[in-house]
Amino acid sequence: MTYEEIRDIDPYIRMMRVKKTYGLTGKWRDLDHVFTYLVSGSADFIIGGVSHTLTAGDVILFPPLLTHMIIQRDQQLLTQYIFHFDFYEDKRRTAIPNHDILGSEDENIVPQKELLMKNEAVISHFSEELRQEFMHQYLMMRAEFMDHREGREYFLKQYCRMILAMTLRSAEPEKMDELKNKKAWALVEKTVNFLNSVPVDEELSNDEIAFHIGVSPNYLTKSFSECLGVSLHQYIIMMRMEKAQKLLLSGKENITEIAQKLGYSNIFVFSKAFKRYLGVSPSYFIEHTVNIEQENMSVFNHDNKEVN
């Protein structure tokens, strides 16, 4: 993607979000472009088997349909400024709500004119001076997005163009390094897809998982460590703890019910595992994270609603 290519774009901002999380782990695939700026914390963004460790001041811009994983290895607060957008406003697409399309095989949902990035992510690092300018641009853009004042769409397009130009100016010059073992990454992706398809409370050993994938347990665990930097066992725990946080903050079930839902024998075993992973008890987490979750809201354009 070049300056020349974005000079005449007519962007449409579908959704804006300030996302704050602890221990984020997951896999995503979006129908639109996703701009992400890290305000605080760090995480590994894994694309096609290549892992990029991003920290505060870093930007990653995903094109539509690009499957990626995010793994937060520490337990610090990860704050992301995010917005979803199309390069060109199209009435047929403005009515589409923002939602993850992981698992969808329909490649025709994204028109050709939206494929300027050629299925490659852009990674940038903002200097201290540029961070201040970006923060100003993003917050002004978010204010316009929420207020629905006259001239709103004009200002949103201008802010989007400015932020994209800043991102290109600071983009890493080198191409992403190719993963040495493409076969290992394909295996990891297959395993992650399988784990996402089974109930979260289902107890599966490495041997059982390897049997479903069709490889030896040793090769599977080795591939996981090489590609993701964590063991298969650690990744499963991370998935459970991510689910546990969402359930705790939903307020729909108590801690005992959540422990059972996640496959723990009792609340004490669950609490011990949760504290080992996050450093605090489930009850402390609920008490001190409600305010963060309230800030962790998405704002959508027009009548679009979030689809979980």
Protein backbone atom coordinates (compact mmCIF):
# COMPACT_ATOMS: atom_id res chain seq x y z
CA MET A 1 0.00 0.00 0.00
CA THR A 2 1.39 3.39 -1.03
CA TYR A 3 0.56 7.07 -0.59
CA GLU A 4 -0.53 7.12 -4.23
CA GLU A 5 -3.07 4.36 -3.59
CA ILE A 6 -4.66 6.03 -0.58
CA ARG A 7 -4.68 9.55 -2.06
CA ASP A 8 -8.15 9.22 -3.56
CA ILE A 9 -9.80 6.87 -1.06
CA ASP A 10 -13.26 7.68 0.30
CA PRO A 11 -13.12 5.88 3.68
CA TYR A 12 -16.07 4.69 5.72
CA ILE A 13 -15.53 4.19 9.47
CA ARG A 14 -17.62 1.24 10.64
CA MET A 15 -16.64 1.01 14.30
CA MET A 16 -14.32 2.62 16.88
CA ARG A 17 -13.22 1.00 20.09
CA VAL A 18 -11.01 1.50 23.12
CA LYS A 19 -10.16 -2.02 24.25
CA LYS A 20 -8.57 -2.77 27.64
CA THR A 21 -7.70 -6.35 28.57
CA TYR A 22 -5.56 -8.57 30.75
CA GLY A 23 -4.11 -11.81 29.35
CA LEU A 24 -5.69 -11.43 25.91
CA THR A 25 -5.52 -14.59 23.78
CA GLY A 26 -7.45 -15.33 20.61
CA LYS A 27 -7.76 -15.67 16.87
CA TRP A 28 -9.58 -13.24 14.55
CA ARG A 29 -10.58 -12.68 10.92
CA ASP A 30 -12.44 -9.51 9.97
CA LEU A 31 -14.54 -8.39 7.02
CA ASP A 32 -12.97 -4.94 6.96
CA HIS A 33 -9.66 -3.19 7.62
CA VAL A 34 -8.64 -2.98 11.28
CA PHE A 35 -6.34 -0.27 12.63
CA THR A 36 -4.85 -1.01 16.06
CA TYR A 37 -2.62 1.29 18.12
CA LEU A 38 -1.11 0.08 21.40
CA VAL A 39 -1.43 2.72 24.10
CA SER A 40 -0.01 0.53 26.87
CA GLY A 41 1.14 -3.04 27.43
CA SER A 42 2.53 -5.50 24.91
CA ALA A 43 1.38 -8.53 22.95
CA ASP A 44 2.49 -10.88 20.20
CA PHE A 45 0.57 -10.47 16.93
CA ILE A 46 1.01 -13.63 14.87
CA ILE A 47 0.30 -13.60 11.13
CA GLY A 48 0.97 -16.59 8.93
CA GLY A 49 3.26 -18.05 11.56
CA VAL A 50 5.37 -14.89 11.91
CA SER A 51 5.25 -13.39 15.39
CA HIS A 52 5.57 -9.63 15.93
CA THR A 53 5.94 -8.36 19.49
CA LEU A 54 4.26 -4.95 19.67
CA THR A 55 4.50 -2.50 22.55
CA ALA A 56 3.21 0.97 23.41
CA GLY A 57 3.54 3.29 20.41
CA ASP A 58 3.27 0.49 17.85
CA VAL A 59 0.59 0.23 15.16
CA ILE A 60 -0.65 -2.73 13.17
CA LEU A 61 -3.04 -2.39 10.25
CA PHE A 62 -4.84 -5.55 9.13
CA PRO A 63 -6.47 -5.96 5.71
CA PRO A 64 -9.82 -7.75 5.38
CA LEU A 65 -9.88 -11.56 5.68
CA LEU A 66 -6.35 -11.82 7.13
CA THR A 67 -6.44 -14.40 9.92
CA HIS A 68 -4.28 -13.46 12.89
CA MET A 69 -3.67 -14.42 16.49
CA ILE A 70 -2.95 -12.24 19.50
CA ILE A 71 -1.21 -13.55 22.61
CA GLN A 72 -0.52 -11.33 25.61
CA ARG A 73 2.30 -12.98 27.53
CA ASP A 74 2.40 -10.73 30.58
CA GLN A 75 -0.40 -9.72 32.94
CA GLN A 76 -0.11 -5.97 32.44
CA LEU A 77 -3.04 -3.92 31.19
CA LEU A 78 -3.15 -3.96 27.38
CA THR A 79 -4.88 -0.86 25.98
CA GLN A 80 -5.67 -0.65 22.27
CA TYR A 81 -7.18 2.17 20.22
CA ILE A 82 -9.01 0.45 17.36
CA PHE A 83 -11.13 1.41 14.41
CA HIS A 84 -12.64 -0.69 11.60
CA PHE A 85 -13.03 0.86 8.17
CA ASP A 86 -13.42 0.40 4.41
CA PHE A 87 -11.28 2.30 1.93
CA TYR A 88 -14.39 3.22 -0.03
CA GLU A 89 -17.88 3.97 1.21
CA ASP A 90 -20.29 1.54 -0.39
CA LYS A 91 -23.97 1.54 0.52
CA ARG A 92 -24.07 -2.23 0.17
CA ARG A 93 -21.42 -2.57 2.87
CA THR A 94 -22.35 0.24 5.25
CA ALA A 95 -25.34 -1.80 6.40
CA ILE A 96 -23.13 -4.76 7.32
CA PRO A 97 -22.59 -4.93 11.11
CA ASN A 98 -19.10 -5.37 12.46
CA HIS A 99 -18.42 -8.99 13.36
CA ASP A 100 -15.67 -11.57 13.29
CA ILE A 101 -15.87 -13.96 10.31
CA LEU A 102 -13.41 -16.58 11.54
CA GLY A 103 -14.39 -19.87 9.93
CA SER A 104 -16.28 -18.27 7.03
CA GLU A 105 -15.29 -19.47 3.58
CA ASP A 106 -17.07 -16.70 1.67
CA GLU A 107 -14.27 -14.69 0.07
CA ASN A 108 -16.69 -12.64 -2.05
CA ILE A 109 -17.91 -10.47 0.82
CA VAL A 110 -15.01 -8.05 0.23
CA PRO A 111 -15.01 -6.18 -3.10
CA GLN A 112 -11.85 -5.95 -5.20
CA LYS A 113 -11.38 -2.22 -4.54
CA GLU A 114 -10.89 -2.98 -0.83
CA LEU A 115 -7.84 -5.18 -1.50
CA LEU A 116 -5.24 -2.41 -1.76
CA MET A 117 -3.12 -4.00 0.97
CA LYS A 118 -2.72 -7.25 -1.00
CA ASN A 119 -3.41 -9.35 2.09
CA GLU A 120 -0.35 -8.00 3.93
CA ALA A 121 -0.42 -6.28 7.32
CA VAL A 122 1.40 -2.98 7.87
CA ILE A 123 3.36 -2.48 11.09
CA SER A 124 4.58 0.93 12.25
CA HIS A 125 6.23 2.48 15.28
CA PHE A 126 5.25 6.05 16.16
CA SER A 127 7.89 8.37 17.57
CA GLU A 128 7.10 10.27 20.76
CA GLU A 129 6.17 13.35 18.77
CA LEU A 130 4.01 11.36 16.37
CA ARG A 131 2.25 9.60 19.27
CA GLN A 132 1.03 12.93 20.60
CA GLU A 133 -0.22 13.93 17.15
CA PHE A 134 -1.93 10.56 16.68
CA MET A 135 -3.63 10.71 20.08
CA HIS A 136 -5.01 14.12 19.18
CA GLN A 137 -6.23 12.91 15.76
CA TYR A 138 -7.78 9.71 17.14
CA LEU A 139 -9.63 11.38 20.01
CA MET A 140 -10.95 14.10 17.72
CA MET A 141 -12.02 11.41 15.29
CA ARG A 142 -13.78 9.45 18.05
CA ALA A 143 -15.56 12.60 19.25
CA GLU A 144 -16.86 13.23 15.70
CA PHE A 145 -17.87 9.59 15.41
CA MET A 146 -19.96 9.70 18.58
CA ASP A 147 -21.53 13.16 18.24
CA HIS A 148 -23.21 12.88 14.81
CA ARG A 149 -22.78 16.60 14.15
CA GLU A 150 -23.20 18.27 10.76
CA GLY A 151 -20.21 17.56 8.53
CA ARG A 152 -19.37 14.43 10.54
CA GLU A 153 -18.61 12.14 7.59
CA TYR A 154 -16.29 14.72 6.00
CA PHE A 155 -14.23 15.06 9.19
CA LEU A 156 -14.13 11.28 9.75
CA LYS A 157 -12.74 10.71 6.26
CA GLN A 158 -10.09 13.39 6.78
CA TYR A 159 -9.00 11.98 10.15
CA CYS A 160 -8.82 8.48 8.68
CA ARG A 161 -6.66 9.64 5.76
CA MET A 162 -4.34 11.51 8.12
CA ILE A 163 -3.90 8.50 10.44
CA LEU A 164 -3.24 6.17 7.50
CA ALA A 165 -0.63 8.59 6.12
CA MET A 166 1.06 8.71 9.54
CA THR A 167 1.07 4.92 9.63
CA LEU A 168 2.68 4.62 6.19
CA ARG A 169 5.32 7.22 7.02
CA SER A 170 6.40 5.23 10.08
CA ALA A 171 5.98 1.75 8.57
CA GLU A 172 8.76 -0.80 8.94
CA PRO A 173 10.74 -0.81 5.68
CA GLU A 174 11.52 -4.50 5.70
CA LYS A 175 9.11 -7.22 4.66
CA MET A 176 7.90 -9.75 7.19
CA ASP A 177 10.33 -12.63 7.66
CA GLU A 178 9.07 -15.90 6.27
CA LEU A 179 8.42 -18.63 8.77
CA LYS A 180 11.08 -21.31 8.39
CA ASN A 181 8.66 -24.15 8.92
CA LYS A 182 5.39 -23.52 7.09
CA LYS A 183 4.28 -27.06 7.82
CA ALA A 184 4.57 -26.45 11.58
CA TRP A 185 2.48 -23.26 11.37
CA ALA A 186 -0.25 -25.02 9.36
CA LEU A 187 -0.31 -27.63 12.10
CA VAL A 188 -0.64 -24.99 14.83
CA GLU A 189 -3.51 -23.30 12.98
CA LYS A 190 -5.29 -26.63 12.59
CA THR A 191 -4.86 -27.30 16.31
CA VAL A 192 -6.14 -23.86 17.35
CA ASN A 193 -9.19 -24.32 15.12
CA PHE A 194 -9.83 -27.70 16.71
CA LEU A 195 -9.51 -26.30 20.25
CA ASN A 196 -11.97 -23.53 19.37
CA SER A 197 -14.46 -26.13 18.15
CA VAL A 198 -14.61 -28.26 21.32
CA PRO A 199 -16.40 -27.30 24.57
CA VAL A 200 -14.12 -25.28 26.84
CA ASP A 201 -14.72 -27.68 29.73
CA GLU A 202 -13.65 -30.75 27.78
CA GLU A 203 -10.48 -32.24 29.26
CA LEU A 204 -8.15 -33.23 26.44
CA SER A 205 -4.63 -34.54 26.89
CA ASN A 206 -1.82 -33.73 24.47
CA ASP A 207 -2.09 -37.31 23.18
CA GLU A 208 -5.83 -36.92 22.44
CA ILE A 209 -5.34 -33.59 20.72
CA ALA A 210 -2.46 -34.95 18.65
CA PHE A 211 -4.62 -37.94 17.66
CA HIS A 212 -7.36 -35.60 16.36
CA ILE A 213 -4.78 -33.56 14.42
CA GLY A 214 -3.04 -36.64 13.06
CA VAL A 215 0.52 -36.15 14.34
CA SER A 216 2.63 -37.36 17.23
CA PRO A 217 2.25 -35.59 20.61
CA ASN A 218 5.96 -34.67 20.66
CA TYR A 219 5.85 -33.08 17.21
CA LEU A 220 2.69 -31.16 18.06
CA THR A 221 4.04 -29.72 21.32
CA LYS A 222 7.34 -28.84 19.66
CA SER A 223 5.54 -27.03 16.82
CA PHE A 224 3.46 -25.04 19.31
CA SER A 225 6.51 -23.91 21.25
CA GLU A 226 8.39 -22.93 18.09
CA CYS A 227 5.53 -21.01 16.47
CA LEU A 228 3.77 -19.41 19.44
CA GLY A 229 6.44 -19.37 22.12
CA VAL A 230 4.17 -21.19 24.56
CA SER A 231 3.48 -24.86 25.13
CA LEU A 232 0.24 -26.49 24.04
CA HIS A 233 -0.73 -26.89 27.71
CA GLN A 234 -0.05 -23.20 28.39
CA TYR A 235 -2.11 -22.15 25.38
CA ILE A 236 -5.11 -24.17 26.58
CA ILE A 237 -4.85 -22.52 30.01
CA MET A 238 -4.66 -19.09 28.36
CA MET A 239 -7.82 -19.86 26.37
CA ARG A 240 -9.63 -20.91 29.55
CA MET A 241 -8.54 -17.84 31.47
CA GLU A 242 -9.63 -15.57 28.63
CA LYS A 243 -13.05 -17.25 28.73
CA ALA A 244 -13.10 -17.02 32.54
CA GLN A 245 -12.55 -13.25 32.45
CA LYS A 246 -15.42 -12.76 30.00
CA LEU A 247 -17.77 -14.91 32.10
CA LEU A 248 -16.81 -13.16 35.34
CA LEU A 249 -17.39 -9.72 33.87
CA SER A 250 -20.70 -10.69 32.28
CA GLY A 251 -22.22 -11.05 35.77
CA LYS A 252 -24.58 -13.77 34.55
CA GLU A 253 -23.06 -16.59 36.63
CA ASN A 254 -21.34 -16.81 40.00
CA ILE A 255 -17.76 -18.00 40.47
CA THR A 256 -18.81 -21.56 41.38
CA GLU A 257 -20.92 -21.88 38.23
CA ILE A 258 -18.11 -20.50 36.08
CA ALA A 259 -15.61 -22.94 37.61
CA GLN A 260 -17.91 -25.83 36.71
CA LYS A 261 -18.53 -24.46 33.22
CA LEU A 262 -14.79 -24.31 32.56
CA GLY A 263 -14.25 -27.89 33.71
CA TYR A 264 -12.70 -27.30 37.14
CA SER A 265 -13.59 -29.78 39.88
CA ASN A 266 -14.45 -27.04 42.37
CA ILE A 267 -14.19 -23.31 43.03
CA PHE A 268 -10.95 -23.66 45.01
CA VAL A 269 -9.07 -25.34 42.15
CA PHE A 270 -10.40 -22.71 39.72
CA SER A 271 -9.50 -19.79 42.03
CA LYS A 272 -5.99 -21.15 42.50
CA ALA A 273 -5.48 -21.51 38.72
CA PHE A 274 -6.94 -18.05 38.08
CA LYS A 275 -4.70 -16.40 40.66
CA ARG A 276 -1.64 -18.24 39.34
CA TYR A 277 -2.40 -16.90 35.85
CA LEU A 278 -3.58 -13.34 36.58
CA GLY A 279 -2.05 -12.73 40.00
CA VAL A 280 -5.40 -11.95 41.66
CA SER A 281 -8.41 -13.96 42.83
CA PRO A 282 -11.60 -14.12 40.72
CA SER A 283 -13.51 -12.00 43.25
CA TYR A 284 -10.77 -9.33 43.31
CA PHE A 285 -10.72 -9.35 39.51
CA ILE A 286 -14.47 -8.69 39.35
CA GLU A 287 -14.30 -5.90 41.92
CA HIS A 288 -11.40 -4.04 40.34
CA THR A 289 -12.06 -4.62 36.63
CA VAL A 290 -15.67 -3.51 36.26
CA ASN A 291 -14.65 0.08 35.54
CA ILE A 292 -12.18 -1.06 32.90
CA GLU A 293 -14.82 -3.20 31.24
CA GLN A 294 -17.21 -0.26 31.17
CA GLU A 295 -14.57 1.74 29.29
CA ASN A 296 -14.01 -1.22 26.96
CA MET A 297 -16.91 -0.22 24.72
CA SER A 298 -17.40 -0.21 20.99
CA VAL A 299 -19.07 2.62 19.12
CA PHE A 300 -20.73 1.76 15.81
CA ASN A 301 -21.69 3.81 12.80
CA HIS A 302 -25.35 4.39 11.97
CA ASP A 303 -27.50 1.51 13.24
CA ASN A 304 -24.82 -1.17 13.21
CA LYS A 305 -24.69 -3.42 16.26
CA GLU A 306 -21.93 -5.64 17.49
CA VAL A 307 -22.27 -9.34 16.73
CA ASN A 308 -20.43 -11.54 19.23
